[in-house]
Amino acid sequence: MRRKWLASATVAAVAISAPVIARTGPAYAGPARAATLSSQQQAVTISTTAAISTGAAASTAKVRQLKRKATATPQTWNRLAAALARQMVGDPYAFGGASPAGFDCSGLTQYVYEHTGGGKLISRTAEDQFLQFRAISHSAARPGDLVFFHETSDPESYVYHVGVYEGGDYMVAATTYGEGVQLQLFTWGGDTVTFGTITH
């Protein structure tokens, strides 16, 4: 009798548990599926870690590159002078003017040199500035040096205009009434243009 009861209890248990397994079969997280999920999770974790590491490495490389760039182009007095001249762009022109209220060409260059760093006192007129500065070639010129415009292609001829060199073919200069201080090409001067420095 006891043996029959145990047998029927076992059959009942199997009958009860079988449908549950069948209903939940697709969602059943057995050992194989658990192993698959674990592998996928590990792959995601590894790829995420790799992405973070790659991003961190790229970020570090960019910081190093910026540091090298900053080291390669230090803020010398000349660069500061060129930057100050660019800040004057848009200021008005005034004959004989030597302040942001109004500049003429040599008044602008004198102002920039006087107000950069500890200040460098230079002569007032374009011609006198040319005589005060040491002549250099375009290739030797640095931003912050001066660009001189002569009456003729003779580099010793009279200088009637001056600007602050900005690199390449550009300068900042006080032009004329209605135009004021501008960043402009100096190539319009052709072969009448020379360059000068007192800093290098």
C-alpha atoms as a PDB file:
ATOM      1  CA  MET A   1       0.000   0.000   0.000  1.00  0.00           C
ATOM      2  CA  ARG A   2       2.795   2.422   0.974  1.00  0.00           C
ATOM      3  CA  ARG A   3       4.685   1.482  -2.206  1.00  0.00           C
ATOM      4  CA  LYS A   4       1.627   2.298  -4.366  1.00  0.00           C
ATOM      5  CA  TRP A   5       1.172   5.653  -2.606  1.00  0.00           C
ATOM      6  CA  LEU A   6       4.837   6.666  -3.215  1.00  0.00           C
ATOM      7  CA  ALA A   7       4.572   5.649  -6.859  1.00  0.00           C
ATOM      8  CA  SER A   8       1.420   7.701  -7.417  1.00  0.00           C
ATOM      9  CA  ALA A   9       2.931  10.691  -5.568  1.00  0.00           C
ATOM     10  CA  THR A  10       5.998  10.565  -7.848  1.00  0.00           C
ATOM     11  CA  VAL A  11       3.827  10.404 -10.978  1.00  0.00           C
ATOM     12  CA  ALA A  12       1.802  13.362  -9.707  1.00  0.00           C
ATOM     13  CA  ALA A  13       4.934  15.363  -9.074  1.00  0.00           C
ATOM     14  CA  VAL A  14       6.227  14.643 -12.571  1.00  0.00           C
ATOM     15  CA  ALA A  15       2.836  15.508 -14.050  1.00  0.00           C
ATOM     16  CA  ILE A  16       2.712  18.792 -12.141  1.00  0.00           C
ATOM     17  CA  SER A  17       6.269  19.885 -12.981  1.00  0.00           C
ATOM     18  CA  ALA A  18       6.264  18.842 -16.643  1.00  0.00           C
ATOM     19  CA  PRO A  19       3.693  21.417 -17.841  1.00  0.00           C
ATOM     20  CA  VAL A  20       5.513  24.187 -15.953  1.00  0.00           C
ATOM     21  CA  ILE A  21       8.724  23.343 -17.784  1.00  0.00           C
ATOM     22  CA  ALA A  22       6.860  23.189 -21.093  1.00  0.00           C
ATOM     23  CA  ARG A  23       5.196  26.596 -20.562  1.00  0.00           C
ATOM     24  CA  THR A  24       8.354  28.310 -19.544  1.00  0.00           C
ATOM     25  CA  GLY A  25      10.684  26.423 -21.850  1.00  0.00           C
ATOM     26  CA  PRO A  26      11.673  29.313 -24.201  1.00  0.00           C
ATOM     27  CA  ALA A  27      12.388  31.597 -21.273  1.00  0.00           C
ATOM     28  CA  TYR A  28      14.040  28.884 -19.260  1.00  0.00           C
ATOM     29  CA  ALA A  29      17.451  30.090 -18.178  1.00  0.00           C
ATOM     30  CA  GLY A  30      19.123  26.732 -17.934  1.00  0.00           C
ATOM     31  CA  PRO A  31      22.888  26.250 -17.614  1.00  0.00           C
ATOM     32  CA  ALA A  32      23.493  26.578 -21.395  1.00  0.00           C
ATOM     33  CA  ARG A  33      21.526  29.850 -21.682  1.00  0.00           C
ATOM     34  CA  ALA A  34      23.116  31.168 -18.494  1.00  0.00           C
ATOM     35  CA  ALA A  35      26.511  30.421 -19.978  1.00  0.00           C
ATOM     36  CA  THR A  36      25.517  32.209 -23.210  1.00  0.00           C
ATOM     37  CA  LEU A  37      24.274  35.285 -21.324  1.00  0.00           C
ATOM     38  CA  SER A  38      27.405  35.280 -19.226  1.00  0.00           C
ATOM     39  CA  SER A  39      29.569  35.204 -22.382  1.00  0.00           C
ATOM     40  CA  GLN A  40      27.562  38.036 -23.970  1.00  0.00           C
ATOM     41  CA  GLN A  41      27.775  40.110 -20.806  1.00  0.00           C
ATOM     42  CA  GLN A  42      31.511  39.515 -20.655  1.00  0.00           C
ATOM     43  CA  ALA A  43      31.833  40.548 -24.327  1.00  0.00           C
ATOM     44  CA  VAL A  44      29.854  43.746 -23.680  1.00  0.00           C
ATOM     45  CA  THR A  45      31.942  44.475 -20.576  1.00  0.00           C
ATOM     46  CA  ILE A  46      35.185  43.864 -22.481  1.00  0.00           C
ATOM     47  CA  SER A  47      34.112  46.009 -25.468  1.00  0.00           C
ATOM     48  CA  THR A  48      32.895  48.792 -23.156  1.00  0.00           C
ATOM     49  CA  THR A  49      36.163  48.690 -21.222  1.00  0.00           C
ATOM     50  CA  ALA A  50      38.087  48.738 -24.507  1.00  0.00           C
ATOM     51  CA  ALA A  51      36.041  51.721 -25.746  1.00  0.00           C
ATOM     52  CA  ILE A  52      36.637  53.586 -22.480  1.00  0.00           C
ATOM     53  CA  SER A  53      40.352  52.752 -22.631  1.00  0.00           C
ATOM     54  CA  THR A  54      40.527  53.855 -26.288  1.00  0.00           C
ATOM     55  CA  GLY A  55      38.650  57.072 -25.471  1.00  0.00           C
ATOM     56  CA  ALA A  56      40.931  57.761 -22.511  1.00  0.00           C
ATOM     57  CA  ALA A  57      43.999  57.083 -24.651  1.00  0.00           C
ATOM     58  CA  ALA A  58      42.701  59.384 -27.397  1.00  0.00           C
ATOM     59  CA  SER A  59      41.927  62.077 -24.827  1.00  0.00           C
ATOM     60  CA  THR A  60      45.396  61.742 -23.298  1.00  0.00           C
ATOM     61  CA  ALA A  61      46.970  61.898 -26.767  1.00  0.00           C
ATOM     62  CA  LYS A  62      44.987  65.071 -27.562  1.00  0.00           C
ATOM     63  CA  VAL A  63      46.107  66.716 -24.309  1.00  0.00           C
ATOM     64  CA  ARG A  64      49.716  65.841 -25.106  1.00  0.00           C
ATOM     65  CA  GLN A  65      49.313  67.215 -28.624  1.00  0.00           C
ATOM     66  CA  LEU A  66      47.878  70.487 -27.299  1.00  0.00           C
ATOM     67  CA  LYS A  67      50.704  70.760 -24.783  1.00  0.00           C
ATOM     68  CA  ARG A  68      53.262  70.219 -27.543  1.00  0.00           C
ATOM     69  CA  LYS A  69      51.501  72.848 -29.665  1.00  0.00           C
ATOM     70  CA  ALA A  70      51.481  75.301 -26.773  1.00  0.00           C
ATOM     71  CA  THR A  71      55.176  74.627 -26.206  1.00  0.00           C
ATOM     72  CA  ALA A  72      55.917  75.017 -29.913  1.00  0.00           C
ATOM     73  CA  THR A  73      54.199  78.436 -30.085  1.00  0.00           C
ATOM     74  CA  PRO A  74      54.926  80.233 -26.810  1.00  0.00           C
ATOM     75  CA  GLN A  75      53.323  83.621 -26.184  1.00  0.00           C
ATOM     76  CA  THR A  76      56.371  85.720 -26.990  1.00  0.00           C
ATOM     77  CA  TRP A  77      56.320  89.504 -26.803  1.00  0.00           C
ATOM     78  CA  ASN A  78      55.919  89.624 -30.581  1.00  0.00           C
ATOM     79  CA  ARG A  79      52.856  87.328 -30.525  1.00  0.00           C
ATOM     80  CA  LEU A  80      51.286  89.413 -27.773  1.00  0.00           C
ATOM     81  CA  ALA A  81      51.865  92.551 -29.850  1.00  0.00           C
ATOM     82  CA  ALA A  82      50.220  90.931 -32.880  1.00  0.00           C
ATOM     83  CA  ALA A  83      47.266  89.855 -30.708  1.00  0.00           C
ATOM     84  CA  LEU A  84      46.850  93.384 -29.298  1.00  0.00           C
ATOM     85  CA  ALA A  85      46.867  94.830 -32.819  1.00  0.00           C
ATOM     86  CA  ARG A  86      44.044  92.437 -33.802  1.00  0.00           C
ATOM     87  CA  GLN A  87      42.019  93.710 -30.834  1.00  0.00           C
ATOM     88  CA  MET A  88      42.171  97.201 -32.382  1.00  0.00           C
ATOM     89  CA  VAL A  89      40.452  96.039 -35.600  1.00  0.00           C
ATOM     90  CA  GLY A  90      37.311  98.120 -36.054  1.00  0.00           C
ATOM     91  CA  ASP A  91      38.630 101.179 -34.210  1.00  0.00           C
ATOM     92  CA  PRO A  92      38.212 104.439 -36.168  1.00  0.00           C
ATOM     93  CA  TYR A  93      40.816 106.277 -38.207  1.00  0.00           C
ATOM     94  CA  ALA A  94      41.945 109.731 -37.087  1.00  0.00           C
ATOM     95  CA  PHE A  95      44.771 111.711 -38.627  1.00  0.00           C
ATOM     96  CA  GLY A  96      47.447 112.081 -35.940  1.00  0.00           C
ATOM     97  CA  GLY A  97      45.487 109.719 -33.668  1.00  0.00           C
ATOM     98  CA  ALA A  98      47.323 107.411 -31.302  1.00  0.00           C
ATOM     99  CA  SER A  99      44.558 105.879 -29.141  1.00  0.00           C
ATOM    100  CA  PRO A 100      41.527 103.574 -29.561  1.00  0.00           C
ATOM    101  CA  ALA A 101      39.433 106.751 -29.963  1.00  0.00           C
ATOM    102  CA  GLY A 102      41.155 107.120 -33.345  1.00  0.00           C
ATOM    103  CA  PHE A 103      44.414 105.900 -34.955  1.00  0.00           C
ATOM    104  CA  ASP A 104      46.536 106.796 -37.901  1.00  0.00           C
ATOM    105  CA  CYS A 105      48.940 104.098 -39.143  1.00  0.00           C
ATOM    106  CA  SER A 106      52.013 104.987 -37.079  1.00  0.00           C
ATOM    107  CA  GLY A 107      49.863 105.972 -34.098  1.00  0.00           C
ATOM    108  CA  LEU A 108      48.509 102.405 -34.079  1.00  0.00           C
ATOM    109  CA  THR A 109      51.951 100.778 -34.228  1.00  0.00           C
ATOM    110  CA  GLN A 110      53.262 103.107 -31.512  1.00  0.00           C
ATOM    111  CA  TYR A 111      50.254 102.332 -29.297  1.00  0.00           C
ATOM    112  CA  VAL A 112      50.617  98.555 -29.765  1.00  0.00           C
ATOM    113  CA  TYR A 113      54.320  98.614 -28.910  1.00  0.00           C
ATOM    114  CA  GLU A 114      53.818 100.849 -25.883  1.00  0.00           C
ATOM    115  CA  HIS A 115      50.969  98.728 -24.468  1.00  0.00           C
ATOM    116  CA  THR A 116      52.362  95.223 -25.004  1.00  0.00           C
ATOM    117  CA  GLY A 117      54.147  93.559 -22.104  1.00  0.00           C
ATOM    118  CA  GLY A 118      56.355  96.046 -20.313  1.00  0.00           C
ATOM    119  CA  GLY A 119      56.020  98.378 -23.287  1.00  0.00           C
ATOM    120  CA  LYS A 120      58.503  99.404 -25.956  1.00  0.00           C
ATOM    121  CA  LEU A 121      58.779 103.086 -26.828  1.00  0.00           C
ATOM    122  CA  ILE A 122      59.094 103.679 -30.556  1.00  0.00           C
ATOM    123  CA  SER A 123      59.135 106.800 -32.702  1.00  0.00           C
ATOM    124  CA  ARG A 124      55.908 108.480 -33.808  1.00  0.00           C
ATOM    125  CA  THR A 125      55.995 108.555 -37.617  1.00  0.00           C
ATOM    126  CA  ALA A 126      56.232 105.660 -40.080  1.00  0.00           C
ATOM    127  CA  GLU A 127      59.498 106.993 -41.519  1.00  0.00           C
ATOM    128  CA  ASP A 128      61.085 107.380 -38.069  1.00  0.00           C
ATOM    129  CA  GLN A 129      59.922 103.916 -37.044  1.00  0.00           C
ATOM    130  CA  PHE A 130      61.534 102.498 -40.189  1.00  0.00           C
ATOM    131  CA  LEU A 131      64.812 104.204 -39.276  1.00  0.00           C
ATOM    132  CA  GLN A 132      64.582 102.885 -35.697  1.00  0.00           C
ATOM    133  CA  PHE A 133      63.905  99.251 -36.731  1.00  0.00           C
ATOM    134  CA  ARG A 134      66.367  96.733 -38.170  1.00  0.00           C
ATOM    135  CA  ALA A 135      65.476  95.653 -41.712  1.00  0.00           C
ATOM    136  CA  ILE A 136      64.663  91.948 -42.152  1.00  0.00           C
ATOM    137  CA  SER A 137      63.284  89.773 -44.947  1.00  0.00           C
ATOM    138  CA  HIS A 138      59.661  88.651 -45.159  1.00  0.00           C
ATOM    139  CA  SER A 139      60.746  85.079 -44.341  1.00  0.00           C
ATOM    140  CA  ALA A 140      62.506  86.276 -41.178  1.00  0.00           C
ATOM    141  CA  ALA A 141      59.580  88.438 -40.030  1.00  0.00           C
ATOM    142  CA  ARG A 142      57.496  87.305 -37.060  1.00  0.00           C
ATOM    143  CA  PRO A 143      53.969  88.350 -36.091  1.00  0.00           C
ATOM    144  CA  GLY A 144      54.344  91.597 -34.151  1.00  0.00           C
ATOM    145  CA  ASP A 145      57.128  92.989 -36.372  1.00  0.00           C
ATOM    146  CA  LEU A 146      56.331  96.001 -38.559  1.00  0.00           C
ATOM    147  CA  VAL A 147      55.504  96.200 -42.264  1.00  0.00           C
ATOM    148  CA  PHE A 148      56.728  99.359 -44.012  1.00  0.00           C
ATOM    149  CA  PHE A 149      55.479 100.868 -47.282  1.00  0.00           C
ATOM    150  CA  HIS A 150      57.961 102.896 -49.339  1.00  0.00           C
ATOM    151  CA  GLU A 151      57.321 105.455 -52.068  1.00  0.00           C
ATOM    152  CA  THR A 152      59.280 103.315 -54.539  1.00  0.00           C
ATOM    153  CA  SER A 153      60.827  99.854 -54.758  1.00  0.00           C
ATOM    154  CA  ASP A 154      64.034 101.323 -53.327  1.00  0.00           C
ATOM    155  CA  PRO A 155      64.070 100.016 -49.714  1.00  0.00           C
ATOM    156  CA  GLU A 156      65.731 103.262 -48.615  1.00  0.00           C
ATOM    157  CA  SER A 157      63.007 105.472 -50.071  1.00  0.00           C
ATOM    158  CA  TYR A 158      60.590 107.409 -47.896  1.00  0.00           C
ATOM    159  CA  VAL A 159      58.123 105.367 -45.782  1.00  0.00           C
ATOM    160  CA  TYR A 160      54.545 106.689 -45.922  1.00  0.00           C
ATOM    161  CA  HIS A 161      52.633 103.814 -44.273  1.00  0.00           C
ATOM    162  CA  VAL A 162      53.171 101.108 -41.626  1.00  0.00           C
ATOM    163  CA  GLY A 163      51.278  98.161 -40.123  1.00  0.00           C
ATOM    164  CA  VAL A 164      51.720  95.357 -37.596  1.00  0.00           C
ATOM    165  CA  TYR A 165      52.693  92.060 -39.253  1.00  0.00           C
ATOM    166  CA  GLU A 166      50.298  89.157 -38.492  1.00  0.00           C
ATOM    167  CA  GLY A 167      51.942  86.335 -40.418  1.00  0.00           C
ATOM    168  CA  GLY A 168      51.591  85.118 -43.991  1.00  0.00           C
ATOM    169  CA  ASP A 169      50.544  88.038 -46.182  1.00  0.00           C
ATOM    170  CA  TYR A 170      48.541  89.827 -43.488  1.00  0.00           C
ATOM    171  CA  MET A 171      48.928  92.869 -41.287  1.00  0.00           C
ATOM    172  CA  VAL A 172      46.776  95.068 -39.081  1.00  0.00           C
ATOM    173  CA  ALA A 173      46.875  98.727 -40.091  1.00  0.00           C
ATOM    174  CA  ALA A 174      44.949 101.963 -39.627  1.00  0.00           C
ATOM    175  CA  THR A 175      43.825 102.650 -43.168  1.00  0.00           C
ATOM    176  CA  THR A 176      41.745 105.772 -43.838  1.00  0.00           C
ATOM    177  CA  TYR A 177      38.564 107.582 -42.837  1.00  0.00           C
ATOM    178  CA  GLY A 178      35.486 105.386 -42.929  1.00  0.00           C
ATOM    179  CA  GLU A 179      37.566 102.180 -42.908  1.00  0.00           C
ATOM    180  CA  GLY A 180      39.551 102.521 -39.701  1.00  0.00           C
ATOM    181  CA  VAL A 181      41.783  99.749 -38.376  1.00  0.00           C
ATOM    182  CA  GLN A 182      41.668  96.593 -40.502  1.00  0.00           C
ATOM    183  CA  LEU A 183      43.212  93.164 -40.859  1.00  0.00           C
ATOM    184  CA  GLN A 184      44.276  93.191 -44.494  1.00  0.00           C
ATOM    185  CA  LEU A 185      46.695  91.848 -47.064  1.00  0.00           C
ATOM    186  CA  PHE A 186      49.830  93.951 -47.472  1.00  0.00           C
ATOM    187  CA  THR A 187      50.524  92.535 -50.943  1.00  0.00           C
ATOM    188  CA  TRP A 188      48.811  95.569 -52.492  1.00  0.00           C
ATOM    189  CA  GLY A 189      52.123  97.344 -51.819  1.00  0.00           C
ATOM    190  CA  GLY A 190      53.938  95.081 -54.283  1.00  0.00           C
ATOM    191  CA  ASP A 191      57.722  95.449 -54.210  1.00  0.00           C
ATOM    192  CA  THR A 192      57.593  98.630 -52.111  1.00  0.00           C
ATOM    193  CA  VAL A 193      57.092  96.630 -48.861  1.00  0.00           C
ATOM    194  CA  THR A 194      59.840  95.930 -46.322  1.00  0.00           C
ATOM    195  CA  PHE A 195      59.868  94.481 -42.786  1.00  0.00           C
ATOM    196  CA  GLY A 196      61.540  95.595 -39.586  1.00  0.00           C
ATOM    197  CA  THR A 197      62.096  94.427 -36.031  1.00  0.00           C
ATOM    198  CA  ILE A 198      63.516  95.566 -32.696  1.00  0.00           C
ATOM    199  CA  THR A 199      62.885  92.279 -30.853  1.00  0.00           C
ATOM    200  CA  HIS A 200      64.945  89.595 -32.618  1.00  0.00           C
END
